[in-house]
C-alpha atoms as a PDB file:
ATOM      1  CA  MET A   1     -59.462  17.537 -43.177  1.00  0.00           C
ATOM      2  CA  THR A   2     -58.116  15.918 -39.918  1.00  0.00           C
ATOM      3  CA  ALA A   3     -56.533  12.529 -39.976  1.00  0.00           C
ATOM      4  CA  TYR A   4     -56.250  10.243 -36.913  1.00  0.00           C
ATOM      5  CA  PHE A   5     -53.679   7.755 -35.719  1.00  0.00           C
ATOM      6  CA  GLU A   6     -52.263   6.324 -32.396  1.00  0.00           C
ATOM      7  CA  SER A   7     -48.597   6.906 -31.507  1.00  0.00           C
ATOM      8  CA  PHE A   8     -46.794   6.319 -28.100  1.00  0.00           C
ATOM      9  CA  ASN A   9     -50.203   5.498 -26.423  1.00  0.00           C
ATOM     10  CA  ASN A  10     -51.454   8.860 -27.214  1.00  0.00           C
ATOM     11  CA  LEU A  11     -54.189   9.644 -29.830  1.00  0.00           C
ATOM     12  CA  LEU A  12     -52.787  12.258 -32.103  1.00  0.00           C
ATOM     13  CA  TYR A  13     -54.273  14.371 -34.732  1.00  0.00           C
ATOM     14  CA  ILE A  14     -53.044  16.606 -37.688  1.00  0.00           C
ATOM     15  CA  ILE A  15     -54.749  19.630 -38.313  1.00  0.00           C
ATOM     16  CA  LYS A  16     -54.530  20.821 -41.892  1.00  0.00           C
ATOM     17  CA  LYS A  17     -54.858  24.472 -42.148  1.00  0.00           C
ATOM     18  CA  SER A  18     -54.619  27.212 -44.783  1.00  0.00           C
ATOM     19  CA  ARG A  19     -53.048  30.558 -44.181  1.00  0.00           C
ATOM     20  CA  PHE A  20     -52.284  32.921 -47.135  1.00  0.00           C
ATOM     21  CA  ASP A  21     -52.870  30.205 -49.480  1.00  0.00           C
ATOM     22  CA  LYS A  22     -50.284  27.613 -48.277  1.00  0.00           C
ATOM     23  CA  LEU A  23     -51.137  24.595 -46.369  1.00  0.00           C
ATOM     24  CA  ASN A  24     -49.505  23.912 -42.903  1.00  0.00           C
ATOM     25  CA  TYR A  25     -49.615  20.581 -40.805  1.00  0.00           C
ATOM     26  CA  ILE A  26     -49.030  20.496 -37.078  1.00  0.00           C
ATOM     27  CA  ILE A  27     -49.497  17.738 -34.608  1.00  0.00           C
ATOM     28  CA  TYR A  28     -51.299  17.960 -31.270  1.00  0.00           C
ATOM     29  CA  SER A  29     -52.228  15.621 -28.570  1.00  0.00           C
ATOM     30  CA  MET A  30     -56.066  15.587 -28.616  1.00  0.00           C
ATOM     31  CA  ASP A  31     -55.894  15.409 -24.566  1.00  0.00           C
ATOM     32  CA  LYS A  32     -54.098  18.642 -24.219  1.00  0.00           C
ATOM     33  CA  GLU A  33     -54.537  22.375 -25.338  1.00  0.00           C
ATOM     34  CA  SER A  34     -51.623  24.365 -26.599  1.00  0.00           C
ATOM     35  CA  VAL A  35     -49.694  27.338 -24.875  1.00  0.00           C
ATOM     36  CA  TYR A  36     -47.481  29.787 -26.402  1.00  0.00           C
ATOM     37  CA  ILE A  37     -45.034  30.795 -23.551  1.00  0.00           C
ATOM     38  CA  GLU A  38     -44.124  34.602 -24.190  1.00  0.00           C
ATOM     39  CA  THR A  39     -40.911  36.029 -22.899  1.00  0.00           C
ATOM     40  CA  THR A  40     -42.239  37.449 -19.696  1.00  0.00           C
ATOM     41  CA  ILE A  41     -43.118  34.044 -18.309  1.00  0.00           C
ATOM     42  CA  PRO A  42     -39.524  32.558 -18.024  1.00  0.00           C
ATOM     43  CA  SER A  43     -38.444  35.985 -16.929  1.00  0.00           C
ATOM     44  CA  TYR A  44     -40.762  35.947 -13.868  1.00  0.00           C
ATOM     45  CA  LEU A  45     -39.378  32.413 -13.310  1.00  0.00           C
ATOM     46  CA  VAL A  46     -35.854  33.222 -12.835  1.00  0.00           C
ATOM     47  CA  SER A  47     -35.769  36.958 -11.521  1.00  0.00           C
ATOM     48  CA  GLU A  48     -35.014  37.743  -7.957  1.00  0.00           C
ATOM     49  CA  LYS A  49     -38.149  38.416  -5.657  1.00  0.00           C
ATOM     50  CA  SER A  50     -39.435  41.805  -6.323  1.00  0.00           C
ATOM     51  CA  GLN A  51     -40.282  44.366  -3.611  1.00  0.00           C
ATOM     52  CA  ASP A  52     -43.170  45.504  -5.540  1.00  0.00           C
ATOM     53  CA  VAL A  53     -46.146  43.594  -4.385  1.00  0.00           C
ATOM     54  CA  ILE A  54     -47.716  43.369  -7.838  1.00  0.00           C
ATOM     55  CA  VAL A  55     -44.554  42.022  -9.476  1.00  0.00           C
ATOM     56  CA  LEU A  56     -44.092  39.604  -6.465  1.00  0.00           C
ATOM     57  CA  SER A  57     -47.692  38.267  -6.787  1.00  0.00           C
ATOM     58  CA  ARG A  58     -46.924  37.590 -10.569  1.00  0.00           C
ATOM     59  CA  GLN A  59     -43.718  35.987  -9.878  1.00  0.00           C
ATOM     60  CA  ILE A  60     -45.512  33.691  -7.271  1.00  0.00           C
ATOM     61  CA  LEU A  61     -48.274  32.998  -9.597  1.00  0.00           C
ATOM     62  CA  THR A  62     -45.881  32.266 -12.387  1.00  0.00           C
ATOM     63  CA  GLU A  63     -44.094  29.885 -10.306  1.00  0.00           C
ATOM     64  CA  GLN A  64     -47.389  28.241  -9.217  1.00  0.00           C
ATOM     65  CA  TRP A  65     -48.596  27.805 -12.770  1.00  0.00           C
ATOM     66  CA  TRP A  66     -45.150  26.449 -14.003  1.00  0.00           C
ATOM     67  CA  ASP A  67     -44.924  23.844 -11.255  1.00  0.00           C
ATOM     68  CA  GLU A  68     -48.379  22.704 -11.047  1.00  0.00           C
ATOM     69  CA  GLN A  69     -50.067  23.399 -14.645  1.00  0.00           C
ATOM     70  CA  ARG A  70     -47.703  23.500 -17.397  1.00  0.00           C
ATOM     71  CA  HIS A  71     -47.748  19.678 -17.590  1.00  0.00           C
ATOM     72  CA  LYS A  72     -51.511  19.820 -18.557  1.00  0.00           C
ATOM     73  CA  TYR A  73     -50.664  21.691 -21.771  1.00  0.00           C
ATOM     74  CA  HIS A  74     -48.386  21.377 -24.950  1.00  0.00           C
ATOM     75  CA  LEU A  75     -45.948  24.368 -24.512  1.00  0.00           C
ATOM     76  CA  PHE A  76     -44.357  26.310 -27.523  1.00  0.00           C
ATOM     77  CA  ILE A  77     -41.926  28.975 -27.948  1.00  0.00           C
ATOM     78  CA  SER A  78     -40.568  30.661 -30.990  1.00  0.00           C
ATOM     79  CA  ASP A  79     -37.017  32.185 -31.935  1.00  0.00           C
ATOM     80  CA  VAL A  80     -38.343  35.421 -31.092  1.00  0.00           C
ATOM     81  CA  VAL A  81     -38.771  34.228 -27.500  1.00  0.00           C
ATOM     82  CA  PHE A  82     -35.376  32.724 -27.569  1.00  0.00           C
ATOM     83  CA  GLU A  83     -33.743  35.847 -28.889  1.00  0.00           C
ATOM     84  CA  GLU A  84     -35.386  38.028 -26.042  1.00  0.00           C
ATOM     85  CA  ILE A  85     -34.495  35.545 -23.183  1.00  0.00           C
ATOM     86  CA  SER A  86     -30.992  35.411 -24.348  1.00  0.00           C
ATOM     87  CA  SER A  87     -30.157  38.984 -23.947  1.00  0.00           C
ATOM     88  CA  GLY A  88     -29.489  40.768 -20.602  1.00  0.00           C
ATOM     89  CA  ASN A  89     -27.875  39.638 -17.533  1.00  0.00           C
ATOM     90  CA  VAL A  90     -25.892  36.481 -18.505  1.00  0.00           C
ATOM     91  CA  LYS A  91     -26.824  34.812 -15.256  1.00  0.00           C
ATOM     92  CA  TYR A  92     -30.479  35.165 -15.694  1.00  0.00           C
ATOM     93  CA  SER A  93     -30.414  34.657 -19.409  1.00  0.00           C
ATOM     94  CA  GLN A  94     -28.917  31.126 -18.959  1.00  0.00           C
ATOM     95  CA  GLN A  95     -31.530  30.226 -16.455  1.00  0.00           C
ATOM     96  CA  ARG A  96     -34.173  31.462 -18.745  1.00  0.00           C
ATOM     97  CA  ILE A  97     -32.697  29.346 -21.520  1.00  0.00           C
ATOM     98  CA  GLU A  98     -32.270  26.189 -19.154  1.00  0.00           C
ATOM     99  CA  ILE A  99     -36.077  26.679 -18.190  1.00  0.00           C
ATOM    100  CA  ILE A 100     -37.290  26.731 -22.098  1.00  0.00           C
ATOM    101  CA  GLN A 101     -34.827  24.163 -23.406  1.00  0.00           C
ATOM    102  CA  ASN A 102     -37.233  21.238 -23.591  1.00  0.00           C
ATOM    103  CA  LEU A 103     -40.166  23.182 -25.157  1.00  0.00           C
ATOM    104  CA  GLU A 104     -41.130  22.941 -28.868  1.00  0.00           C
ATOM    105  CA  MET A 105     -39.719  25.596 -30.939  1.00  0.00           C
ATOM    106  CA  LEU A 106     -42.137  26.987 -33.563  1.00  0.00           C
ATOM    107  CA  GLN A 107     -40.343  28.025 -36.831  1.00  0.00           C
ATOM    108  CA  ILE A 108     -40.783  31.349 -38.474  1.00  0.00           C
ATOM    109  CA  ASN A 109     -41.880  31.694 -41.964  1.00  0.00           C
ATOM    110  CA  ASN A 110     -43.029  34.243 -44.478  1.00  0.00           C
ATOM    111  CA  GLU A 111     -46.688  33.823 -43.576  1.00  0.00           C
ATOM    112  CA  ILE A 112     -45.895  34.576 -39.914  1.00  0.00           C
ATOM    113  CA  THR A 113     -43.977  37.596 -40.973  1.00  0.00           C
ATOM    114  CA  GLU A 114     -46.901  38.715 -43.112  1.00  0.00           C
ATOM    115  CA  ILE A 115     -49.201  38.531 -40.195  1.00  0.00           C
ATOM    116  CA  ALA A 116     -47.127  40.417 -37.832  1.00  0.00           C
ATOM    117  CA  LEU A 117     -46.524  43.200 -40.433  1.00  0.00           C
ATOM    118  CA  SER A 118     -50.312  43.207 -41.177  1.00  0.00           C
ATOM    119  CA  TYR A 119     -50.844  43.818 -37.504  1.00  0.00           C
ATOM    120  CA  LYS A 120     -48.316  46.649 -37.348  1.00  0.00           C
ATOM    121  CA  GLY A 121     -49.712  48.396 -40.248  1.00  0.00           C
ATOM    122  CA  HIS A 122     -53.119  47.937 -38.956  1.00  0.00           C
ATOM    123  CA  PHE A 123     -52.718  48.837 -35.349  1.00  0.00           C
ATOM    124  CA  ASN A 124     -49.974  51.460 -36.228  1.00  0.00           C
ATOM    125  CA  LEU A 125     -47.741  50.471 -33.525  1.00  0.00           C
ATOM    126  CA  PRO A 126     -44.001  51.691 -33.191  1.00  0.00           C
ATOM    127  CA  ASP A 127     -41.306  49.409 -34.443  1.00  0.00           C
ATOM    128  CA  GLY A 128     -40.281  48.646 -30.807  1.00  0.00           C
ATOM    129  CA  LEU A 129     -43.296  46.411 -30.580  1.00  0.00           C
ATOM    130  CA  ILE A 130     -42.893  44.185 -33.499  1.00  0.00           C
ATOM    131  CA  ARG A 131     -41.832  41.422 -31.363  1.00  0.00           C
ATOM    132  CA  ASP A 132     -44.999  41.528 -29.363  1.00  0.00           C
ATOM    133  CA  LEU A 133     -46.956  41.157 -32.929  1.00  0.00           C
ATOM    134  CA  PHE A 134     -44.737  38.456 -33.810  1.00  0.00           C
ATOM    135  CA  HIS A 135     -45.857  36.400 -30.566  1.00  0.00           C
ATOM    136  CA  ILE A 136     -49.353  36.842 -31.663  1.00  0.00           C
ATOM    137  CA  ALA A 137     -48.670  35.858 -35.288  1.00  0.00           C
ATOM    138  CA  PHE A 138     -46.891  32.580 -34.384  1.00  0.00           C
ATOM    139  CA  CYS A 139     -49.992  31.686 -32.344  1.00  0.00           C
ATOM    140  CA  VAL A 140     -52.212  32.678 -35.060  1.00  0.00           C
ATOM    141  CA  TYR A 141     -50.336  30.599 -37.677  1.00  0.00           C
ATOM    142  CA  TYR A 142     -49.945  27.559 -35.829  1.00  0.00           C
ATOM    143  CA  ASN A 143     -53.369  27.692 -34.240  1.00  0.00           C
ATOM    144  CA  ILE A 144     -52.200  28.105 -30.529  1.00  0.00           C
ATOM    145  CA  ASN A 145     -55.094  28.023 -28.002  1.00  0.00           C
ATOM    146  CA  PHE A 146     -53.337  30.189 -25.507  1.00  0.00           C
ATOM    147  CA  LEU A 147     -50.722  33.087 -25.455  1.00  0.00           C
ATOM    148  CA  LEU A 148     -49.377  33.118 -21.899  1.00  0.00           C
ATOM    149  CA  THR A 149     -47.993  36.519 -20.825  1.00  0.00           C
ATOM    150  CA  TRP A 150     -47.486  39.125 -18.276  1.00  0.00           C
ATOM    151  CA  ASN A 151     -47.356  41.857 -20.883  1.00  0.00           C
ATOM    152  CA  CYS A 152     -50.616  43.574 -19.908  1.00  0.00           C
ATOM    153  CA  THR A 153     -49.602  46.734 -21.757  1.00  0.00           C
ATOM    154  CA  HIS A 154     -49.530  45.636 -25.307  1.00  0.00           C
ATOM    155  CA  LEU A 155     -50.680  41.826 -25.293  1.00  0.00           C
ATOM    156  CA  ALA A 156     -52.993  40.862 -22.344  1.00  0.00           C
ATOM    157  CA  ASN A 157     -54.828  44.116 -22.626  1.00  0.00           C
ATOM    158  CA  ILE A 158     -58.701  43.806 -23.246  1.00  0.00           C
ATOM    159  CA  HIS A 159     -58.932  46.822 -25.405  1.00  0.00           C
ATOM    160  CA  PHE A 160     -56.149  45.612 -27.625  1.00  0.00           C
ATOM    161  CA  ILE A 161     -57.572  42.042 -27.689  1.00  0.00           C
ATOM    162  CA  LYS A 162     -61.007  43.654 -28.796  1.00  0.00           C
ATOM    163  CA  GLN A 163     -59.471  45.269 -31.601  1.00  0.00           C
ATOM    164  CA  LEU A 164     -57.292  42.198 -32.618  1.00  0.00           C
ATOM    165  CA  LYS A 165     -60.224  39.967 -32.600  1.00  0.00           C
ATOM    166  CA  LYS A 166     -62.016  42.152 -35.020  1.00  0.00           C
ATOM    167  CA  PHE A 167     -59.091  42.477 -37.302  1.00  0.00           C
ATOM    168  CA  ASN A 168     -58.629  38.645 -37.177  1.00  0.00           C
ATOM    169  CA  GLU A 169     -62.325  38.077 -37.998  1.00  0.00           C
ATOM    170  CA  LYS A 170     -62.284  40.188 -40.790  1.00  0.00           C
ATOM    171  CA  ASN A 171     -59.308  38.594 -42.187  1.00  0.00           C
ATOM    172  CA  LYS A 172     -60.348  35.044 -41.316  1.00  0.00           C
ATOM    173  CA  LEU A 173     -57.688  34.264 -38.800  1.00  0.00           C
ATOM    174  CA  ILE A 174     -58.168  32.970 -35.370  1.00  0.00           C
ATOM    175  CA  THR A 175     -57.174  34.605 -32.414  1.00  0.00           C
ATOM    176  CA  PRO A 176     -55.773  32.919 -29.528  1.00  0.00           C
ATOM    177  CA  ASP A 177     -56.718  33.559 -25.837  1.00  0.00           C
ATOM    178  CA  ILE A 178     -54.194  35.934 -24.597  1.00  0.00           C
ATOM    179  CA  ILE A 179     -54.038  35.563 -20.865  1.00  0.00           C
ATOM    180  CA  THR A 180     -52.005  35.810 -17.800  1.00  0.00           C
ATOM    181  CA  PRO A 181     -51.063  32.521 -15.748  1.00  0.00           C
ATOM    182  CA  ASP A 182     -53.744  33.226 -13.002  1.00  0.00           C
ATOM    183  CA  LEU A 183     -56.504  32.799 -15.820  1.00  0.00           C
ATOM    184  CA  LEU A 184     -55.054  29.359 -16.726  1.00  0.00           C
ATOM    185  CA  MET A 185     -55.388  27.560 -13.380  1.00  0.00           C
ATOM    186  CA  ASP A 186     -57.655  24.828 -12.406  1.00  0.00           C
END
């Protein structure tokens, strides 16, 4: 069931969805898709320009996406992202926090934890990757369209995405599009 109403000159809708037999409501503007900003995005935005041509190109693409594209989407982060960007070099962590300070923070709950742990059990991944699984679980639970990341080893990896889609279909869960900034540009 979807209810419609008008607020602040934007048509909004409430999505009623069920995950693990509990209902959750989330509000989106109908004119924008949703993007979960994973930790690598603010990290690439504030890091010093790399001498590595691949890393440098990712930094430039991330800056271009942030400057030209982000306003076209509803952007979300989670406390997992906040924890990750808060660690490390104090100068850079403060800059990362400033970048994401106006983004909507998704709240963790038992269902998100259950999803992440079910992924860990199914994919048999080491404990060190649990945060990556939580990024996906937030997107699944909150029905986020895109998970934006430069983590191509564990997240934006076609082999992993195929397995994830198969697992999510079997468990009647949505799968966000896990992509890099260059794939989300006009």
